[in-house]
Amino acid sequence: MNRKHTGENHYIAAGDLKSQKVWEKRLGTMKRQGVSLYLEGRPSTPGEIVKACVKEESSYMADFVLDEKGLLKELRYDKVKCE
């Protein structure tokens, strides 16, 4: 089974639509709470992030960016380039 790392300490199988929807909902909640979401350096939506991260030919890593008070302000997903 092909599984993709979500950057949140768990993996989601490419065909596991239920888990993908849960992840998308979680990202949506974060966005509504004021967390900025980015994919490859560009502002993004929860759906775009989930879609990109579960593609078989790509791997993404989440970078959690905190503000000066230590609160999450940005969640950035960048493609991991393996050589």
Protein backbone atom coordinates (compact mmCIF):
# COMPACT_ATOMS: atom_id res chain seq x y z
CA MET A 1 0.00 0.00 0.00
CA ASN A 2 1.34 3.42 -0.94
CA ARG A 3 1.23 5.82 2.00
CA LYS A 4 2.16 9.49 2.18
CA HIS A 5 3.46 11.35 5.20
CA THR A 6 1.26 14.30 6.12
CA GLY A 7 3.91 16.17 8.08
CA GLU A 8 1.81 15.64 11.19
CA ASN A 9 3.43 12.45 12.47
CA HIS A 10 1.18 10.09 10.54
CA TYR A 11 0.73 8.65 7.09
CA ILE A 12 -2.28 8.54 4.78
CA ALA A 13 -2.76 5.96 2.05
CA ALA A 14 -3.26 7.49 -1.39
CA GLY A 15 -6.68 5.81 -1.67
CA ASP A 16 -7.83 6.57 1.89
CA LEU A 17 -10.43 9.25 1.11
CA LYS A 18 -11.82 9.32 4.64
CA SER A 19 -8.44 10.18 6.16
CA GLN A 20 -7.80 12.74 3.42
CA LYS A 21 -11.11 14.48 4.26
CA VAL A 22 -10.24 14.49 7.97
CA TRP A 23 -6.85 16.04 7.18
CA GLU A 24 -8.45 18.62 4.86
CA LYS A 25 -10.99 19.51 7.57
CA ARG A 26 -8.20 19.89 10.15
CA LEU A 27 -6.29 22.24 7.83
CA GLY A 28 -9.51 24.19 7.20
CA THR A 29 -10.01 24.65 10.93
CA MET A 30 -6.46 25.91 11.28
CA LYS A 31 -6.98 28.36 8.42
CA ARG A 32 -10.19 29.70 10.00
CA GLN A 33 -8.24 30.19 13.23
CA GLY A 34 -5.83 32.49 11.38
CA VAL A 35 -3.04 30.10 10.40
CA SER A 36 -1.72 30.89 6.91
CA LEU A 37 -1.33 27.84 4.66
CA TYR A 38 1.35 27.59 1.97
CA LEU A 39 2.26 25.03 -0.66
CA GLU A 40 5.64 25.43 -2.33
CA GLY A 41 5.90 29.04 -1.08
CA ARG A 42 2.48 30.17 -2.35
CA PRO A 43 -0.71 30.74 -0.36
CA SER A 44 -2.85 27.63 -0.67
CA THR A 45 -6.09 25.95 0.36
CA PRO A 46 -6.55 22.82 2.44
CA GLY A 47 -7.80 20.93 -0.63
CA GLU A 48 -4.79 21.88 -2.74
CA ILE A 49 -2.40 20.81 0.00
CA VAL A 50 -4.03 17.43 0.55
CA LYS A 51 -4.24 16.76 -3.20
CA ALA A 52 -0.55 17.58 -3.72
CA CYS A 53 0.68 15.63 -0.70
CA VAL A 54 -1.02 12.33 -1.56
CA LYS A 55 0.30 12.15 -5.12
CA GLU A 56 2.41 9.04 -5.52
CA GLU A 57 5.35 10.78 -7.15
CA SER A 58 5.73 13.54 -4.55
CA SER A 59 6.70 13.87 -0.91
CA TYR A 60 6.10 16.99 1.15
CA MET A 61 7.35 18.15 4.53
CA ALA A 62 5.40 20.45 6.81
CA ASP A 63 7.16 23.41 8.40
CA PHE A 64 5.36 24.88 11.41
CA VAL A 65 6.15 28.61 11.74
CA LEU A 66 5.48 30.23 15.11
CA ASP A 67 4.97 33.87 15.99
CA GLU A 68 6.89 35.71 18.71
CA LYS A 69 4.46 34.36 21.35
CA GLY A 70 5.06 30.77 20.27
CA LEU A 71 1.67 30.40 18.56
CA LEU A 72 1.31 28.77 15.16
CA LYS A 73 1.03 31.42 12.45
CA GLU A 74 1.97 29.54 9.26
CA LEU A 75 1.96 25.97 8.02
CA ARG A 76 4.18 25.53 4.97
CA TYR A 77 4.30 22.38 2.85
CA ASP A 78 7.36 22.09 0.63
CA LYS A 79 8.30 19.27 -1.72
CA VAL A 80 11.16 17.12 -0.49
CA LYS A 81 13.73 16.62 -3.22
CA CYS A 82 15.50 13.28 -2.91
CA GLU A 83 18.79 12.81 -4.73
